[in-house]
Amino acid sequence: MKLQFIAKDPNSEPSGSPTLYRTDRDSWVVQGWVVTDPDALAAMNIPKGESCVEIPDRLIPFFQHQP
């Protein structure tokens, strides 16, 4: 998988995380905050081998196809 950097959260210090990447497989990779809230995790019923991360609303504008 090849990753294309799209954006880092400009309001997150000092690391700039969360970060958004576009892949060469027509998908996105999101580096973000690990969701640990047990009620939220239970509500999502996440299958083995999958995970989730939380990202802020301010990254949503970057969810457009990059040429």
PDB file of N, CA and C in Angstrom:
ATOM      1  N   MET A   1       0.849  -1.170   0.000  1.00  0.00           N
ATOM      2  CA  MET A   1       0.000   0.000   0.000  1.00  0.00           C
ATOM      3  C   MET A   1       0.897   1.236   0.000  1.00  0.00           C
ATOM      4  N   LYS A   2       0.597   2.183  -0.890  1.00  0.00           N
ATOM      5  CA  LYS A   2       1.305   3.457  -0.909  1.00  0.00           C
ATOM      6  C   LYS A   2       0.423   4.515  -0.275  1.00  0.00           C
ATOM      7  N   LEU A   3       1.030   5.354   0.559  1.00  0.00           N
ATOM      8  CA  LEU A   3       0.295   6.405   1.241  1.00  0.00           C
ATOM      9  C   LEU A   3       0.658   7.763   0.680  1.00  0.00           C
ATOM     10  N   GLN A   4      -0.370   8.605   0.513  1.00  0.00           N
ATOM     11  CA  GLN A   4      -0.167   9.996   0.139  1.00  0.00           C
ATOM     12  C   GLN A   4      -0.638  10.850   1.307  1.00  0.00           C
ATOM     13  N   PHE A   5       0.270  11.632   1.868  1.00  0.00           N
ATOM     14  CA  PHE A   5      -0.087  12.530   2.953  1.00  0.00           C
ATOM     15  C   PHE A   5      -1.110  13.546   2.445  1.00  0.00           C
ATOM     16  N   ILE A   6      -2.183  13.750   3.227  1.00  0.00           N
ATOM     17  CA  ILE A   6      -3.204  14.723   2.866  1.00  0.00           C
ATOM     18  C   ILE A   6      -3.176  15.912   3.831  1.00  0.00           C
ATOM     19  N   ALA A   7      -3.233  15.624   5.140  1.00  0.00           N
ATOM     20  CA  ALA A   7      -3.276  16.731   6.097  1.00  0.00           C
ATOM     21  C   ALA A   7      -2.934  16.258   7.494  1.00  0.00           C
ATOM     22  N   LYS A   8      -2.337  17.161   8.264  1.00  0.00           N
ATOM     23  CA  LYS A   8      -2.179  16.975   9.708  1.00  0.00           C
ATOM     24  C   LYS A   8      -3.071  17.994  10.384  1.00  0.00           C
ATOM     25  N   ASP A   9      -3.546  17.663  11.553  1.00  0.00           N
ATOM     26  CA  ASP A   9      -4.392  18.564  12.317  1.00  0.00           C
ATOM     27  C   ASP A   9      -3.560  19.771  12.756  1.00  0.00           C
ATOM     28  N   PRO A  10      -3.847  20.948  12.225  1.00  0.00           N
ATOM     29  CA  PRO A  10      -3.037  22.121  12.563  1.00  0.00           C
ATOM     30  C   PRO A  10      -3.249  22.614  13.995  1.00  0.00           C
ATOM     31  N   ASN A  11      -4.290  22.134  14.649  1.00  0.00           N
ATOM     32  CA  ASN A  11      -4.582  22.580  16.016  1.00  0.00           C
ATOM     33  C   ASN A  11      -4.176  21.577  17.076  1.00  0.00           C
ATOM     34  N   SER A  12      -3.448  20.550  16.714  1.00  0.00           N
ATOM     35  CA  SER A  12      -3.024  19.537  17.669  1.00  0.00           C
ATOM     36  C   SER A  12      -1.524  19.683  17.897  1.00  0.00           C
ATOM     37  N   GLU A  13      -1.152  19.983  19.092  1.00  0.00           N
ATOM     38  CA  GLU A  13       0.257  20.180  19.437  1.00  0.00           C
ATOM     39  C   GLU A  13       0.689  19.119  20.430  1.00  0.00           C
ATOM     40  N   PRO A  14       1.917  18.671  20.434  1.00  0.00           N
ATOM     41  CA  PRO A  14       2.997  19.105  19.552  1.00  0.00           C
ATOM     42  C   PRO A  14       3.157  18.232  18.314  1.00  0.00           C
ATOM     43  N   SER A  15       2.449  17.127  18.229  1.00  0.00           N
ATOM     44  CA  SER A  15       2.741  16.126  17.193  1.00  0.00           C
ATOM     45  C   SER A  15       2.006  16.341  15.874  1.00  0.00           C
ATOM     46  N   GLY A  16       0.944  17.139  15.862  1.00  0.00           N
ATOM     47  CA  GLY A  16       0.185  17.318  14.636  1.00  0.00           C
ATOM     48  C   GLY A  16      -0.738  16.161  14.330  1.00  0.00           C
ATOM     49  N   SER A  17      -0.941  15.277  15.284  1.00  0.00           N
ATOM     50  CA  SER A  17      -1.885  14.184  15.094  1.00  0.00           C
ATOM     51  C   SER A  17      -3.266  14.735  15.421  1.00  0.00           C
ATOM     52  N   PRO A  18      -4.314  14.307  14.819  1.00  0.00           N
ATOM     53  CA  PRO A  18      -4.509  13.272  13.817  1.00  0.00           C
ATOM     54  C   PRO A  18      -3.959  13.663  12.437  1.00  0.00           C
ATOM     55  N   THR A  19      -3.758  12.623  11.636  1.00  0.00           N
ATOM     56  CA  THR A  19      -3.229  12.795  10.292  1.00  0.00           C
ATOM     57  C   THR A  19      -4.065  11.973   9.323  1.00  0.00           C
ATOM     58  N   LEU A  20      -4.244  12.489   8.126  1.00  0.00           N
ATOM     59  CA  LEU A  20      -5.071  11.853   7.111  1.00  0.00           C
ATOM     60  C   LEU A  20      -4.216  11.502   5.901  1.00  0.00           C
ATOM     61  N   TYR A  21      -4.361  10.262   5.408  1.00  0.00           N
ATOM     62  CA  TYR A  21      -3.632   9.781   4.243  1.00  0.00           C
ATOM     63  C   TYR A  21      -4.604   9.184   3.230  1.00  0.00           C
ATOM     64  N   ARG A  22      -4.264   9.292   1.970  1.00  0.00           N
ATOM     65  CA  ARG A  22      -4.991   8.631   0.877  1.00  0.00           C
ATOM     66  C   ARG A  22      -4.121   7.474   0.421  1.00  0.00           C
ATOM     67  N   THR A  23      -4.740   6.335   0.096  1.00  0.00           N
ATOM     68  CA  THR A  23      -3.974   5.183  -0.368  1.00  0.00           C
ATOM     69  C   THR A  23      -4.118   5.011  -1.877  1.00  0.00           C
ATOM     70  N   ASP A  24      -3.290   4.149  -2.430  1.00  0.00           N
ATOM     71  CA  ASP A  24      -3.404   3.809  -3.849  1.00  0.00           C
ATOM     72  C   ASP A  24      -4.434   2.706  -4.072  1.00  0.00           C
ATOM     73  N   ARG A  25      -5.199   2.387  -3.022  1.00  0.00           N
ATOM     74  CA  ARG A  25      -6.236   1.346  -3.106  1.00  0.00           C
ATOM     75  C   ARG A  25      -7.633   1.956  -2.987  1.00  0.00           C
ATOM     76  N   ASP A  26      -7.746   3.252  -3.328  1.00  0.00           N
ATOM     77  CA  ASP A  26      -9.028   3.958  -3.224  1.00  0.00           C
ATOM     78  C   ASP A  26      -9.596   3.915  -1.815  1.00  0.00           C
ATOM     79  N   SER A  27      -8.722   4.189  -0.839  1.00  0.00           N
ATOM     80  CA  SER A  27      -9.156   4.198   0.557  1.00  0.00           C
ATOM     81  C   SER A  27      -8.381   5.270   1.319  1.00  0.00           C
ATOM     82  N   TRP A  28      -8.730   5.423   2.572  1.00  0.00           N
ATOM     83  CA  TRP A  28      -8.115   6.409   3.456  1.00  0.00           C
ATOM     84  C   TRP A  28      -7.519   5.719   4.663  1.00  0.00           C
ATOM     85  N   VAL A  29      -6.430   6.253   5.188  1.00  0.00           N
ATOM     86  CA  VAL A  29      -5.865   5.812   6.461  1.00  0.00           C
ATOM     87  C   VAL A  29      -5.866   7.024   7.374  1.00  0.00           C
ATOM     88  N   VAL A  30      -6.380   6.835   8.570  1.00  0.00           N
ATOM     89  CA  VAL A  30      -6.474   7.924   9.533  1.00  0.00           C
ATOM     90  C   VAL A  30      -5.653   7.574  10.758  1.00  0.00           C
ATOM     91  N   GLN A  31      -4.723   8.448  11.078  1.00  0.00           N
ATOM     92  CA  GLN A  31      -3.992   8.352  12.339  1.00  0.00           C
ATOM     93  C   GLN A  31      -4.720   9.265  13.299  1.00  0.00           C
ATOM     94  N   GLY A  32      -5.171   8.738  14.424  1.00  0.00           N
ATOM     95  CA  GLY A  32      -5.950   9.564  15.333  1.00  0.00           C
ATOM     96  C   GLY A  32      -5.900   9.060  16.753  1.00  0.00           C
ATOM     97  N   TRP A  33      -6.794   9.584  17.550  1.00  0.00           N
ATOM     98  CA  TRP A  33      -6.855   9.233  18.961  1.00  0.00           C
ATOM     99  C   TRP A  33      -7.552   7.888  19.131  1.00  0.00           C
ATOM    100  N   VAL A  34      -6.960   7.005  19.894  1.00  0.00           N
ATOM    101  CA  VAL A  34      -7.545   5.684  20.142  1.00  0.00           C
ATOM    102  C   VAL A  34      -8.840   5.852  20.932  1.00  0.00           C
ATOM    103  N   VAL A  35      -9.883   5.191  20.474  1.00  0.00           N
ATOM    104  CA  VAL A  35     -11.163   5.212  21.174  1.00  0.00           C
ATOM    105  C   VAL A  35     -11.111   4.140  22.257  1.00  0.00           C
ATOM    106  N   THR A  36     -11.256   4.561  23.510  1.00  0.00           N
ATOM    107  CA  THR A  36     -11.186   3.618  24.629  1.00  0.00           C
ATOM    108  C   THR A  36     -12.485   3.536  25.423  1.00  0.00           C
ATOM    109  N   ASP A  37     -13.440   4.397  25.109  1.00  0.00           N
ATOM    110  CA  ASP A  37     -14.704   4.408  25.840  1.00  0.00           C
ATOM    111  C   ASP A  37     -15.411   3.071  25.639  1.00  0.00           C
ATOM    112  N   PRO A  38     -15.596   2.283  26.701  1.00  0.00           N
ATOM    113  CA  PRO A  38     -16.180   0.943  26.553  1.00  0.00           C
ATOM    114  C   PRO A  38     -17.595   0.948  25.982  1.00  0.00           C
ATOM    115  N   ASP A  39     -18.400   1.952  26.329  1.00  0.00           N
ATOM    116  CA  ASP A  39     -19.763   2.008  25.793  1.00  0.00           C
ATOM    117  C   ASP A  39     -19.737   2.279  24.285  1.00  0.00           C
ATOM    118  N   ALA A  40     -18.868   3.184  23.851  1.00  0.00           N
ATOM    119  CA  ALA A  40     -18.768   3.478  22.418  1.00  0.00           C
ATOM    120  C   ALA A  40     -18.282   2.254  21.655  1.00  0.00           C
ATOM    121  N   LEU A  41     -17.276   1.571  22.182  1.00  0.00           N
ATOM    122  CA  LEU A  41     -16.750   0.379  21.519  1.00  0.00           C
ATOM    123  C   LEU A  41     -17.801  -0.724  21.440  1.00  0.00           C
ATOM    124  N   ALA A  42     -18.553  -0.907  22.511  1.00  0.00           N
ATOM    125  CA  ALA A  42     -19.603  -1.929  22.518  1.00  0.00           C
ATOM    126  C   ALA A  42     -20.698  -1.590  21.503  1.00  0.00           C
ATOM    127  N   ALA A  43     -21.014  -0.319  21.356  1.00  0.00           N
ATOM    128  CA  ALA A  43     -22.057   0.102  20.422  1.00  0.00           C
ATOM    129  C   ALA A  43     -21.654  -0.142  18.976  1.00  0.00           C
ATOM    130  N   MET A  44     -20.346  -0.125  18.697  1.00  0.00           N
ATOM    131  CA  MET A  44     -19.881  -0.323  17.333  1.00  0.00           C
ATOM    132  C   MET A  44     -19.711  -1.784  16.965  1.00  0.00           C
ATOM    133  N   ASN A  45     -19.565  -2.663  17.940  1.00  0.00           N
ATOM    134  CA  ASN A  45     -19.403  -4.093  17.670  1.00  0.00           C
ATOM    135  C   ASN A  45     -18.293  -4.333  16.629  1.00  0.00           C
ATOM    136  N   ILE A  46     -17.101  -3.896  16.952  1.00  0.00           N
ATOM    137  CA  ILE A  46     -15.962  -3.955  16.032  1.00  0.00           C
ATOM    138  C   ILE A  46     -15.443  -5.388  15.938  1.00  0.00           C
ATOM    139  N   PRO A  47     -15.364  -5.933  14.723  1.00  0.00           N
ATOM    140  CA  PRO A  47     -14.870  -7.298  14.548  1.00  0.00           C
ATOM    141  C   PRO A  47     -13.375  -7.409  14.866  1.00  0.00           C
ATOM    142  N   LYS A  48     -12.955  -8.621  15.189  1.00  0.00           N
ATOM    143  CA  LYS A  48     -11.545  -8.899  15.446  1.00  0.00           C
ATOM    144  C   LYS A  48     -10.739  -8.504  14.205  1.00  0.00           C
ATOM    145  N   GLY A  49      -9.584  -7.891  14.434  1.00  0.00           N
ATOM    146  CA  GLY A  49      -8.742  -7.465  13.332  1.00  0.00           C
ATOM    147  C   GLY A  49      -9.045  -6.062  12.829  1.00  0.00           C
ATOM    148  N   GLU A  50     -10.049  -5.402  13.402  1.00  0.00           N
ATOM    149  CA  GLU A  50     -10.390  -4.039  13.022  1.00  0.00           C
ATOM    150  C   GLU A  50     -10.273  -3.140  14.246  1.00  0.00           C
ATOM    151  N   SER A  51     -10.215  -1.864  14.001  1.00  0.00           N
ATOM    152  CA  SER A  51     -10.098  -0.889  15.073  1.00  0.00           C
ATOM    153  C   SER A  51     -10.778   0.404  14.638  1.00  0.00           C
ATOM    154  N   CYS A  52     -10.746   1.397  15.489  1.00  0.00           N
ATOM    155  CA  CYS A  52     -11.272   2.698  15.134  1.00  0.00           C
ATOM    156  C   CYS A  52     -10.434   3.759  15.810  1.00  0.00           C
ATOM    157  N   VAL A  53     -10.406   4.943  15.226  1.00  0.00           N
ATOM    158  CA  VAL A  53      -9.758   6.101  15.831  1.00  0.00           C
ATOM    159  C   VAL A  53     -10.708   7.277  15.729  1.00  0.00           C
ATOM    160  N   GLU A  54     -10.516   8.254  16.590  1.00  0.00           N
ATOM    161  CA  GLU A  54     -11.339   9.452  16.593  1.00  0.00           C
ATOM    162  C   GLU A  54     -10.553  10.593  15.960  1.00  0.00           C
ATOM    163  N   ILE A  55     -11.211  11.343  15.074  1.00  0.00           N
ATOM    164  CA  ILE A  55     -10.591  12.516  14.460  1.00  0.00           C
ATOM    165  C   ILE A  55     -11.517  13.710  14.657  1.00  0.00           C
ATOM    166  N   PRO A  56     -10.979  14.937  14.639  1.00  0.00           N
ATOM    167  CA  PRO A  56     -11.821  16.112  14.851  1.00  0.00           C
ATOM    168  C   PRO A  56     -12.535  16.550  13.572  1.00  0.00           C
ATOM    169  N   ASP A  57     -13.635  17.269  13.738  1.00  0.00           N
ATOM    170  CA  ASP A  57     -14.388  17.808  12.607  1.00  0.00           C
ATOM    171  C   ASP A  57     -13.516  18.627  11.661  1.00  0.00           C
ATOM    172  N   ARG A  58     -12.490  19.289  12.194  1.00  0.00           N
ATOM    173  CA  ARG A  58     -11.680  20.174  11.349  1.00  0.00           C
ATOM    174  C   ARG A  58     -10.893  19.428  10.274  1.00  0.00           C
ATOM    175  N   LEU A  59     -10.840  18.096  10.319  1.00  0.00           N
ATOM    176  CA  LEU A  59     -10.177  17.333   9.262  1.00  0.00           C
ATOM    177  C   LEU A  59     -11.134  16.924   8.150  1.00  0.00           C
ATOM    178  N   ILE A  60     -12.432  17.019   8.372  1.00  0.00           N
ATOM    179  CA  ILE A  60     -13.417  16.590   7.389  1.00  0.00           C
ATOM    180  C   ILE A  60     -13.258  17.295   6.033  1.00  0.00           C
ATOM    181  N   PRO A  61     -12.926  18.592   5.983  1.00  0.00           N
ATOM    182  CA  PRO A  61     -12.748  19.221   4.665  1.00  0.00           C
ATOM    183  C   PRO A  61     -11.664  18.569   3.804  1.00  0.00           C
ATOM    184  N   PHE A  62     -10.766  17.822   4.411  1.00  0.00           N
ATOM    185  CA  PHE A  62      -9.704  17.171   3.647  1.00  0.00           C
ATOM    186  C   PHE A  62     -10.170  15.855   3.021  1.00  0.00           C
ATOM    187  N   PHE A  63     -11.400  15.415   3.311  1.00  0.00           N
ATOM    188  CA  PHE A  63     -11.923  14.185   2.743  1.00  0.00           C
ATOM    189  C   PHE A  63     -12.493  14.442   1.353  1.00  0.00           C
ATOM    190  N   GLN A  64     -11.638  14.798   0.433  1.00  0.00           N
ATOM    191  CA  GLN A  64     -11.994  14.927  -0.967  1.00  0.00           C
ATOM    192  C   GLN A  64     -10.916  14.189  -1.746  1.00  0.00           C
ATOM    193  N   HIS A  65     -11.301  13.677  -2.857  1.00  0.00           N
ATOM    194  CA  HIS A  65     -10.332  12.937  -3.671  1.00  0.00           C
ATOM    195  C   HIS A  65      -9.216  13.878  -4.100  1.00  0.00           C
ATOM    196  N   GLN A  66      -7.990  13.467  -3.854  1.00  0.00           N
ATOM    197  CA  GLN A  66      -6.820  14.236  -4.279  1.00  0.00           C
ATOM    198  C   GLN A  66      -6.298  13.636  -5.564  1.00  0.00           C
ATOM    199  N   PRO A  67      -6.109  14.455  -6.607  1.00  0.00           N
ATOM    200  CA  PRO A  67      -5.614  13.911  -7.883  1.00  0.00           C
ATOM    201  C   PRO A  67      -4.184  13.400  -7.775  1.00  0.00           C
TER     202      PRO A  67
END
